[in-house]
């Protein structure tokens, strides 16, 4: 078993810095499984906004979401995040207009993204239950120290 930092060192998870300026310190930590980072680097740049709010394409939305999360911005409103409980314990969804990111909190203010897709695909193909189940499976497979996740409401995880 290992800590999230040890898993990062061996490449089992990858830290997402959030694009903070040199003078900024992270308020929270964000990690992703390698296949999520691959999707971000290869697939995401190809997508255009489906639910276009007139401002940002999905890549820009992801960058802003990561920055907002790591910098400690307020995520208490539904548009950015909500708990996927009670369907699966400890599974959360972060969201933008066009993206859905599924994962869990290892500890307070430390989130691991285990699955990612477009909002359009998730809605069109009813992918939410499958992604929730995948998060639980991937979390169980990861050689992470127990407890592997925390539960609770927004104030308990952020």
N, C-alpha and C. Protein backbone atom coordinates (compact mmCIF):
# COMPACT_ATOMS: atom_id res chain seq x y z
N UNK A 1 0.84 -1.18 0.00
CA UNK A 1 0.00 0.00 0.00
C UNK A 1 0.89 1.25 0.00
N UNK A 2 0.32 2.34 -0.49
CA UNK A 2 1.11 3.55 -0.65
C UNK A 2 0.23 4.79 -0.47
N UNK A 3 0.89 5.91 -0.23
CA UNK A 3 0.19 7.19 -0.17
C UNK A 3 -0.02 7.70 -1.58
N UNK A 4 -0.85 8.70 -1.73
CA UNK A 4 -1.08 9.29 -3.04
C UNK A 4 0.20 9.89 -3.61
N UNK A 5 1.03 10.45 -2.76
CA UNK A 5 2.30 11.03 -3.20
C UNK A 5 3.24 9.94 -3.72
N UNK A 6 3.30 8.81 -3.03
CA UNK A 6 4.13 7.70 -3.49
C UNK A 6 3.62 7.14 -4.81
N UNK A 7 2.29 7.07 -4.97
CA UNK A 7 1.73 6.60 -6.24
C UNK A 7 2.03 7.58 -7.37
N UNK A 8 2.10 8.84 -7.04
CA UNK A 8 2.46 9.86 -8.04
C UNK A 8 3.91 9.67 -8.48
N UNK A 9 4.78 9.39 -7.56
CA UNK A 9 6.20 9.20 -7.88
C UNK A 9 6.45 8.04 -8.82
N UNK A 10 5.59 7.01 -8.75
CA UNK A 10 5.78 5.84 -9.62
C UNK A 10 4.85 5.87 -10.85
N UNK A 11 4.12 6.96 -11.01
CA UNK A 11 3.31 7.14 -12.21
C UNK A 11 1.94 6.49 -12.19
N UNK A 12 1.50 6.00 -11.04
CA UNK A 12 0.16 5.40 -10.94
C UNK A 12 -0.92 6.48 -10.99
N UNK A 13 -0.60 7.66 -10.50
CA UNK A 13 -1.44 8.84 -10.62
C UNK A 13 -0.55 9.99 -11.06
N UNK A 14 -1.15 11.01 -11.64
CA UNK A 14 -0.38 12.15 -12.14
C UNK A 14 -0.94 13.42 -11.52
N UNK A 15 -0.06 14.25 -10.99
CA UNK A 15 -0.48 15.52 -10.38
C UNK A 15 -0.86 16.51 -11.47
N UNK A 16 -1.94 17.24 -11.22
CA UNK A 16 -2.37 18.31 -12.11
C UNK A 16 -2.18 19.61 -11.36
N UNK A 17 -1.28 20.43 -11.86
CA UNK A 17 -0.90 21.64 -11.15
C UNK A 17 -1.89 22.76 -11.16
N UNK A 18 -2.76 22.81 -12.14
CA UNK A 18 -3.77 23.85 -12.18
C UNK A 18 -3.30 25.17 -12.77
N UNK A 19 -2.08 25.22 -13.28
CA UNK A 19 -1.59 26.43 -13.93
C UNK A 19 -1.46 27.63 -13.01
N UNK A 20 -1.09 27.39 -11.77
CA UNK A 20 -0.93 28.50 -10.84
C UNK A 20 0.27 29.35 -11.22
N UNK A 21 0.20 30.63 -10.89
CA UNK A 21 1.34 31.52 -11.09
C UNK A 21 2.44 31.16 -10.10
N UNK A 22 3.64 31.60 -10.39
CA UNK A 22 4.80 31.26 -9.57
C UNK A 22 4.62 31.68 -8.11
N UNK A 23 3.91 32.76 -7.86
CA UNK A 23 3.74 33.26 -6.50
C UNK A 23 2.56 32.60 -5.76
N UNK A 24 1.79 31.75 -6.43
CA UNK A 24 0.63 31.12 -5.82
C UNK A 24 0.97 29.75 -5.24
N UNK A 25 0.37 29.47 -4.10
CA UNK A 25 0.49 28.16 -3.47
C UNK A 25 -0.83 27.41 -3.65
N UNK A 26 -0.79 26.12 -3.94
CA UNK A 26 -2.05 25.38 -4.08
C UNK A 26 -2.79 25.28 -2.75
N UNK A 27 -4.09 25.43 -2.81
CA UNK A 27 -4.96 25.25 -1.64
C UNK A 27 -5.46 23.81 -1.58
N UNK A 28 -5.51 23.17 -2.77
CA UNK A 28 -5.98 21.80 -2.87
C UNK A 28 -5.05 21.05 -3.83
N UNK A 29 -5.14 19.72 -3.79
CA UNK A 29 -4.35 18.89 -4.69
C UNK A 29 -5.27 18.14 -5.63
N UNK A 30 -4.85 18.04 -6.88
CA UNK A 30 -5.64 17.38 -7.91
C UNK A 30 -4.75 16.37 -8.62
N UNK A 31 -5.23 15.14 -8.72
CA UNK A 31 -4.52 14.07 -9.40
C UNK A 31 -5.45 13.44 -10.43
N UNK A 32 -4.86 12.77 -11.39
CA UNK A 32 -5.64 12.03 -12.39
C UNK A 32 -4.94 10.71 -12.69
N UNK A 33 -5.75 9.73 -13.04
CA UNK A 33 -5.18 8.46 -13.48
C UNK A 33 -4.59 8.66 -14.88
N UNK A 34 -3.57 7.89 -15.26
CA UNK A 34 -2.88 8.11 -16.53
C UNK A 34 -3.78 8.14 -17.76
N UNK A 35 -4.79 7.28 -17.82
CA UNK A 35 -5.67 7.29 -19.01
C UNK A 35 -6.46 8.60 -19.11
N UNK A 36 -6.74 9.25 -17.98
CA UNK A 36 -7.42 10.55 -18.00
C UNK A 36 -6.50 11.60 -18.59
N UNK A 37 -5.24 11.60 -18.18
CA UNK A 37 -4.27 12.56 -18.72
C UNK A 37 -4.09 12.34 -20.21
N UNK A 38 -4.04 11.08 -20.63
CA UNK A 38 -3.95 10.79 -22.07
C UNK A 38 -5.15 11.38 -22.81
N UNK A 39 -6.35 11.22 -22.27
CA UNK A 39 -7.56 11.76 -22.89
C UNK A 39 -7.48 13.29 -22.96
N UNK A 40 -7.01 13.89 -21.88
CA UNK A 40 -6.87 15.36 -21.86
C UNK A 40 -5.91 15.85 -22.94
N UNK A 41 -4.84 15.10 -23.16
CA UNK A 41 -3.82 15.52 -24.11
C UNK A 41 -4.17 15.18 -25.56
N UNK A 42 -4.87 14.08 -25.79
CA UNK A 42 -5.11 13.65 -27.16
C UNK A 42 -6.53 13.92 -27.65
N UNK A 43 -7.53 13.60 -26.85
CA UNK A 43 -8.92 13.73 -27.28
C UNK A 43 -9.49 15.13 -27.05
N UNK A 44 -9.25 15.68 -25.88
CA UNK A 44 -9.87 16.96 -25.52
C UNK A 44 -9.60 18.07 -26.52
N UNK A 45 -8.39 18.23 -27.04
CA UNK A 45 -8.16 19.33 -27.99
C UNK A 45 -9.02 19.24 -29.26
N UNK A 46 -9.55 18.06 -29.56
CA UNK A 46 -10.36 17.87 -30.76
C UNK A 46 -11.81 18.29 -30.59
N UNK A 47 -12.25 18.46 -29.35
CA UNK A 47 -13.67 18.76 -29.09
C UNK A 47 -13.96 20.24 -29.19
N UNK A 48 -15.14 20.52 -29.71
CA UNK A 48 -15.68 21.87 -29.70
C UNK A 48 -16.80 21.90 -28.67
N UNK A 49 -17.17 23.07 -28.26
CA UNK A 49 -18.22 23.21 -27.26
C UNK A 49 -19.54 22.68 -27.79
N UNK A 50 -20.18 21.79 -27.03
CA UNK A 50 -21.52 21.32 -27.36
C UNK A 50 -22.56 22.20 -26.70
N UNK A 51 -22.34 22.48 -25.43
CA UNK A 51 -23.25 23.33 -24.67
C UNK A 51 -22.58 24.69 -24.52
N UNK A 52 -22.32 25.29 -25.65
CA UNK A 52 -21.50 26.49 -25.72
C UNK A 52 -22.13 27.65 -24.97
N UNK A 53 -21.39 28.18 -24.03
CA UNK A 53 -21.87 29.35 -23.29
C UNK A 53 -21.33 30.63 -23.90
N UNK A 54 -20.73 30.52 -25.09
CA UNK A 54 -20.23 31.70 -25.78
C UNK A 54 -18.87 32.17 -25.30
N UNK A 55 -18.25 31.43 -24.40
CA UNK A 55 -17.01 31.91 -23.81
C UNK A 55 -15.81 31.02 -24.06
N UNK A 56 -15.94 29.73 -23.77
CA UNK A 56 -14.75 28.87 -23.77
C UNK A 56 -15.01 27.55 -24.47
N UNK A 57 -13.96 27.04 -25.11
CA UNK A 57 -14.04 25.68 -25.64
C UNK A 57 -13.73 24.71 -24.49
N UNK A 58 -13.96 23.41 -24.68
CA UNK A 58 -13.76 22.45 -23.59
C UNK A 58 -12.34 22.44 -23.00
N UNK A 59 -11.32 22.65 -23.82
CA UNK A 59 -9.96 22.68 -23.29
C UNK A 59 -9.79 23.85 -22.32
N UNK A 60 -10.32 25.00 -22.69
CA UNK A 60 -10.26 26.17 -21.80
C UNK A 60 -11.08 25.93 -20.54
N UNK A 61 -12.22 25.25 -20.69
CA UNK A 61 -13.05 24.93 -19.53
C UNK A 61 -12.28 24.04 -18.55
N UNK A 62 -11.58 23.04 -19.08
CA UNK A 62 -10.80 22.14 -18.22
C UNK A 62 -9.70 22.91 -17.51
N UNK A 63 -8.99 23.75 -18.25
CA UNK A 63 -7.92 24.55 -17.63
C UNK A 63 -8.45 25.41 -16.50
N UNK A 64 -9.59 26.06 -16.72
CA UNK A 64 -10.18 26.92 -15.68
C UNK A 64 -10.64 26.09 -14.49
N UNK A 65 -11.27 24.95 -14.75
CA UNK A 65 -11.72 24.09 -13.67
C UNK A 65 -10.54 23.64 -12.81
N UNK A 66 -9.47 23.20 -13.45
CA UNK A 66 -8.29 22.76 -12.71
C UNK A 66 -7.70 23.90 -11.89
N UNK A 67 -7.60 25.08 -12.50
CA UNK A 67 -7.07 26.24 -11.79
C UNK A 67 -7.96 26.60 -10.60
N UNK A 68 -9.27 26.64 -10.83
CA UNK A 68 -10.19 26.98 -9.74
C UNK A 68 -10.12 25.98 -8.61
N UNK A 69 -10.00 24.70 -8.94
CA UNK A 69 -9.93 23.68 -7.90
C UNK A 69 -8.65 23.83 -7.09
N UNK A 70 -7.52 23.84 -7.77
CA UNK A 70 -6.23 23.87 -7.08
C UNK A 70 -6.04 25.17 -6.30
N UNK A 71 -6.54 26.28 -6.83
CA UNK A 71 -6.35 27.57 -6.15
C UNK A 71 -7.29 27.76 -4.97
N UNK A 72 -8.27 26.86 -4.81
CA UNK A 72 -9.14 26.93 -3.64
C UNK A 72 -10.43 27.70 -3.85
N UNK A 73 -10.80 27.98 -5.09
CA UNK A 73 -12.05 28.71 -5.33
C UNK A 73 -13.25 27.91 -4.85
N UNK A 74 -14.35 28.60 -4.67
CA UNK A 74 -15.58 28.01 -4.15
C UNK A 74 -16.19 27.02 -5.14
N UNK A 75 -16.41 25.81 -4.70
CA UNK A 75 -17.03 24.78 -5.52
C UNK A 75 -18.37 24.34 -4.92
N UNK A 76 -18.94 25.14 -4.06
CA UNK A 76 -20.15 24.72 -3.36
C UNK A 76 -21.40 24.83 -4.20
N UNK A 77 -21.32 25.47 -5.36
CA UNK A 77 -22.50 25.59 -6.20
C UNK A 77 -22.54 24.47 -7.22
N UNK A 78 -23.75 24.06 -7.61
CA UNK A 78 -23.98 22.86 -8.40
C UNK A 78 -23.27 22.87 -9.74
N UNK A 79 -23.12 24.01 -10.37
CA UNK A 79 -22.56 24.05 -11.71
C UNK A 79 -21.14 23.49 -11.79
N UNK A 80 -20.39 23.54 -10.71
CA UNK A 80 -19.02 23.05 -10.77
C UNK A 80 -18.83 21.66 -10.19
N UNK A 81 -19.60 21.29 -9.19
CA UNK A 81 -19.41 19.96 -8.62
C UNK A 81 -20.65 19.53 -7.87
N UNK A 82 -20.81 18.26 -7.78
CA UNK A 82 -21.83 17.72 -6.88
C UNK A 82 -21.48 16.28 -6.55
N UNK A 83 -22.03 15.85 -5.46
CA UNK A 83 -21.78 14.50 -5.00
C UNK A 83 -22.60 13.53 -5.83
N UNK A 84 -22.00 12.43 -6.18
CA UNK A 84 -22.71 11.39 -6.90
C UNK A 84 -23.32 10.40 -5.90
N UNK A 85 -23.23 10.71 -4.62
CA UNK A 85 -23.81 9.85 -3.60
C UNK A 85 -25.33 9.94 -3.67
N UNK A 86 -26.09 9.02 -3.19
CA UNK A 86 -25.64 7.81 -2.51
C UNK A 86 -25.46 6.62 -3.45
N UNK A 87 -25.57 6.83 -4.76
CA UNK A 87 -25.47 5.71 -5.68
C UNK A 87 -24.19 4.91 -5.46
N UNK A 88 -23.08 5.59 -5.35
CA UNK A 88 -21.81 4.93 -5.06
C UNK A 88 -21.11 5.74 -3.97
N UNK A 89 -20.65 5.11 -2.93
CA UNK A 89 -20.02 5.85 -1.83
C UNK A 89 -18.74 6.55 -2.27
N UNK A 90 -18.69 7.81 -1.95
CA UNK A 90 -17.47 8.56 -2.17
C UNK A 90 -17.16 8.95 -3.59
N UNK A 91 -18.09 8.79 -4.51
CA UNK A 91 -17.85 9.17 -5.90
C UNK A 91 -18.43 10.56 -6.14
N UNK A 92 -17.60 11.43 -6.68
CA UNK A 92 -17.99 12.81 -6.95
C UNK A 92 -17.82 13.11 -8.43
N UNK A 93 -18.53 14.13 -8.87
CA UNK A 93 -18.44 14.60 -10.25
C UNK A 93 -18.06 16.07 -10.24
N UNK A 94 -17.00 16.42 -10.96
CA UNK A 94 -16.69 17.81 -11.24
C UNK A 94 -17.17 18.07 -12.65
N UNK A 95 -17.65 19.28 -12.91
CA UNK A 95 -18.24 19.50 -14.22
C UNK A 95 -18.00 20.92 -14.72
N UNK A 96 -18.00 21.00 -16.05
CA UNK A 96 -18.02 22.27 -16.75
C UNK A 96 -19.23 22.20 -17.67
N UNK A 97 -19.41 23.20 -18.49
CA UNK A 97 -20.52 23.15 -19.45
C UNK A 97 -20.44 21.92 -20.33
N UNK A 98 -19.24 21.54 -20.73
CA UNK A 98 -19.07 20.47 -21.72
C UNK A 98 -18.36 19.23 -21.22
N UNK A 99 -17.88 19.22 -19.99
CA UNK A 99 -17.09 18.09 -19.50
C UNK A 99 -17.65 17.53 -18.21
N UNK A 100 -17.43 16.23 -18.03
CA UNK A 100 -17.77 15.55 -16.79
C UNK A 100 -16.54 14.77 -16.33
N UNK A 101 -16.12 15.04 -15.09
CA UNK A 101 -14.95 14.39 -14.50
C UNK A 101 -15.40 13.66 -13.25
N UNK A 102 -15.14 12.38 -13.18
CA UNK A 102 -15.60 11.54 -12.09
C UNK A 102 -14.41 11.07 -11.27
N UNK A 103 -14.55 11.10 -9.95
CA UNK A 103 -13.46 10.65 -9.11
C UNK A 103 -13.84 10.60 -7.65
N UNK A 104 -12.83 10.68 -6.79
CA UNK A 104 -13.05 10.59 -5.35
C UNK A 104 -12.05 11.46 -4.61
N UNK A 105 -12.39 11.75 -3.37
CA UNK A 105 -11.49 12.48 -2.48
C UNK A 105 -10.73 11.48 -1.63
N UNK A 106 -9.41 11.49 -1.78
CA UNK A 106 -8.54 10.63 -0.99
C UNK A 106 -8.55 11.11 0.46
N UNK A 107 -8.50 12.39 0.61
CA UNK A 107 -8.61 13.06 1.91
C UNK A 107 -9.15 14.45 1.63
N UNK A 108 -9.39 15.21 2.65
CA UNK A 108 -9.95 16.54 2.47
C UNK A 108 -9.03 17.35 1.54
N UNK A 109 -9.64 17.92 0.52
CA UNK A 109 -8.97 18.78 -0.46
C UNK A 109 -8.00 18.06 -1.40
N UNK A 110 -8.12 16.75 -1.50
CA UNK A 110 -7.27 15.97 -2.42
C UNK A 110 -8.19 15.08 -3.27
N UNK A 111 -8.30 15.43 -4.57
CA UNK A 111 -9.23 14.75 -5.47
C UNK A 111 -8.47 14.00 -6.54
N UNK A 112 -8.96 12.79 -6.87
CA UNK A 112 -8.39 11.97 -7.94
C UNK A 112 -9.44 11.83 -9.03
N UNK A 113 -9.09 12.23 -10.25
CA UNK A 113 -9.98 12.06 -11.40
C UNK A 113 -9.72 10.67 -11.98
N UNK A 114 -10.77 9.86 -12.00
CA UNK A 114 -10.63 8.48 -12.49
C UNK A 114 -11.25 8.29 -13.87
N UNK A 115 -12.20 9.13 -14.23
CA UNK A 115 -12.87 9.03 -15.53
C UNK A 115 -13.21 10.43 -16.01
N UNK A 116 -13.26 10.59 -17.33
CA UNK A 116 -13.59 11.88 -17.92
C UNK A 116 -14.27 11.65 -19.27
N UNK A 117 -15.21 12.52 -19.59
CA UNK A 117 -15.88 12.44 -20.88
C UNK A 117 -16.60 13.76 -21.11
N UNK A 118 -17.21 13.86 -22.28
CA UNK A 118 -17.98 15.07 -22.57
C UNK A 118 -19.37 14.94 -21.94
N UNK A 119 -19.95 16.06 -21.60
CA UNK A 119 -21.31 16.07 -21.07
C UNK A 119 -22.27 15.50 -22.10
N UNK A 120 -22.06 15.83 -23.35
CA UNK A 120 -22.94 15.36 -24.42
C UNK A 120 -22.99 13.84 -24.46
N UNK A 121 -21.80 13.21 -24.47
CA UNK A 121 -21.76 11.74 -24.51
C UNK A 121 -22.36 11.13 -23.26
N UNK A 122 -22.06 11.71 -22.10
CA UNK A 122 -22.60 11.17 -20.84
C UNK A 122 -24.12 11.20 -20.85
N UNK A 123 -24.68 12.28 -21.36
CA UNK A 123 -26.14 12.41 -21.39
C UNK A 123 -26.76 11.58 -22.51
N UNK A 124 -26.19 11.64 -23.69
CA UNK A 124 -26.75 10.94 -24.84
C UNK A 124 -26.76 9.42 -24.65
N UNK A 125 -25.71 8.90 -24.03
CA UNK A 125 -25.57 7.45 -23.89
C UNK A 125 -25.79 6.96 -22.45
N UNK A 126 -26.28 7.84 -21.59
CA UNK A 126 -26.55 7.47 -20.19
C UNK A 126 -25.34 6.78 -19.55
N UNK A 127 -24.19 7.45 -19.60
CA UNK A 127 -22.94 6.86 -19.14
C UNK A 127 -22.66 7.05 -17.65
N UNK A 128 -23.47 7.85 -16.97
CA UNK A 128 -23.19 8.16 -15.57
C UNK A 128 -23.04 6.93 -14.68
N UNK A 129 -23.98 5.97 -14.72
CA UNK A 129 -23.81 4.79 -13.84
C UNK A 129 -22.52 4.01 -14.14
N UNK A 130 -22.18 3.87 -15.40
CA UNK A 130 -20.96 3.14 -15.75
C UNK A 130 -19.71 3.85 -15.26
N UNK A 131 -19.68 5.16 -15.37
CA UNK A 131 -18.52 5.91 -14.87
C UNK A 131 -18.44 5.85 -13.36
N UNK A 132 -19.58 5.91 -12.68
CA UNK A 132 -19.55 5.78 -11.21
C UNK A 132 -18.99 4.42 -10.82
N UNK A 133 -19.46 3.37 -11.49
CA UNK A 133 -18.96 2.02 -11.19
C UNK A 133 -17.48 1.90 -11.51
N UNK A 134 -17.05 2.53 -12.59
CA UNK A 134 -15.64 2.49 -12.97
C UNK A 134 -14.76 3.18 -11.92
N UNK A 135 -15.24 4.29 -11.38
CA UNK A 135 -14.48 4.98 -10.34
C UNK A 135 -14.27 4.06 -9.15
N UNK A 136 -15.33 3.40 -8.72
CA UNK A 136 -15.24 2.48 -7.58
C UNK A 136 -14.25 1.35 -7.90
N UNK A 137 -14.34 0.78 -9.09
CA UNK A 137 -13.44 -0.30 -9.47
C UNK A 137 -11.98 0.18 -9.52
N UNK A 138 -11.74 1.29 -10.18
CA UNK A 138 -10.36 1.79 -10.30
C UNK A 138 -9.79 2.16 -8.94
N UNK A 139 -10.62 2.71 -8.08
CA UNK A 139 -10.17 3.06 -6.72
C UNK A 139 -9.79 1.81 -5.96
N UNK A 140 -10.58 0.74 -6.10
CA UNK A 140 -10.28 -0.51 -5.41
C UNK A 140 -8.98 -1.13 -5.92
N UNK A 141 -8.70 -0.98 -7.22
CA UNK A 141 -7.51 -1.57 -7.83
C UNK A 141 -6.23 -0.81 -7.48
N UNK A 142 -6.36 0.45 -7.17
CA UNK A 142 -5.20 1.27 -6.86
C UNK A 142 -4.63 0.87 -5.50
N UNK A 143 -3.33 0.65 -5.44
CA UNK A 143 -2.68 0.23 -4.20
C UNK A 143 -2.48 1.41 -3.25
N UNK A 144 -3.59 2.01 -2.88
CA UNK A 144 -3.61 3.20 -2.03
C UNK A 144 -3.87 2.80 -0.59
N UNK A 145 -3.20 3.50 0.34
CA UNK A 145 -3.43 3.24 1.75
C UNK A 145 -4.91 3.37 2.09
N UNK A 146 -5.35 2.57 3.04
CA UNK A 146 -6.72 2.68 3.58
C UNK A 146 -6.76 3.82 4.59
N UNK A 147 -7.86 4.51 4.69
CA UNK A 147 -9.02 4.43 3.81
C UNK A 147 -8.69 5.09 2.47
N UNK A 148 -9.17 4.49 1.40
CA UNK A 148 -8.85 4.98 0.06
C UNK A 148 -9.66 6.22 -0.31
N UNK A 149 -10.72 6.49 0.43
CA UNK A 149 -11.55 7.66 0.13
C UNK A 149 -12.27 8.12 1.38
N UNK A 150 -12.71 9.37 1.32
CA UNK A 150 -13.53 9.90 2.40
C UNK A 150 -14.93 10.15 1.86
N UNK A 151 -15.87 10.16 2.76
CA UNK A 151 -17.26 10.42 2.39
C UNK A 151 -17.74 11.67 3.10
N UNK A 152 -18.91 12.07 2.77
CA UNK A 152 -19.51 13.22 3.43
C UNK A 152 -20.02 14.23 2.43
N UNK A 153 -20.38 15.36 2.95
CA UNK A 153 -20.89 16.46 2.14
C UNK A 153 -19.75 17.36 1.69
N UNK A 154 -20.11 18.40 0.99
CA UNK A 154 -19.14 19.36 0.47
C UNK A 154 -18.15 19.83 1.54
N UNK A 155 -18.66 20.23 2.68
CA UNK A 155 -17.79 20.74 3.75
C UNK A 155 -16.85 19.68 4.31
N UNK A 156 -17.20 18.43 4.15
CA UNK A 156 -16.35 17.35 4.63
C UNK A 156 -15.18 17.05 3.70
N UNK A 157 -15.34 17.35 2.42
CA UNK A 157 -14.30 17.02 1.44
C UNK A 157 -13.50 18.24 0.97
N UNK A 158 -14.10 19.41 1.07
CA UNK A 158 -13.38 20.63 0.67
C UNK A 158 -13.29 21.57 1.83
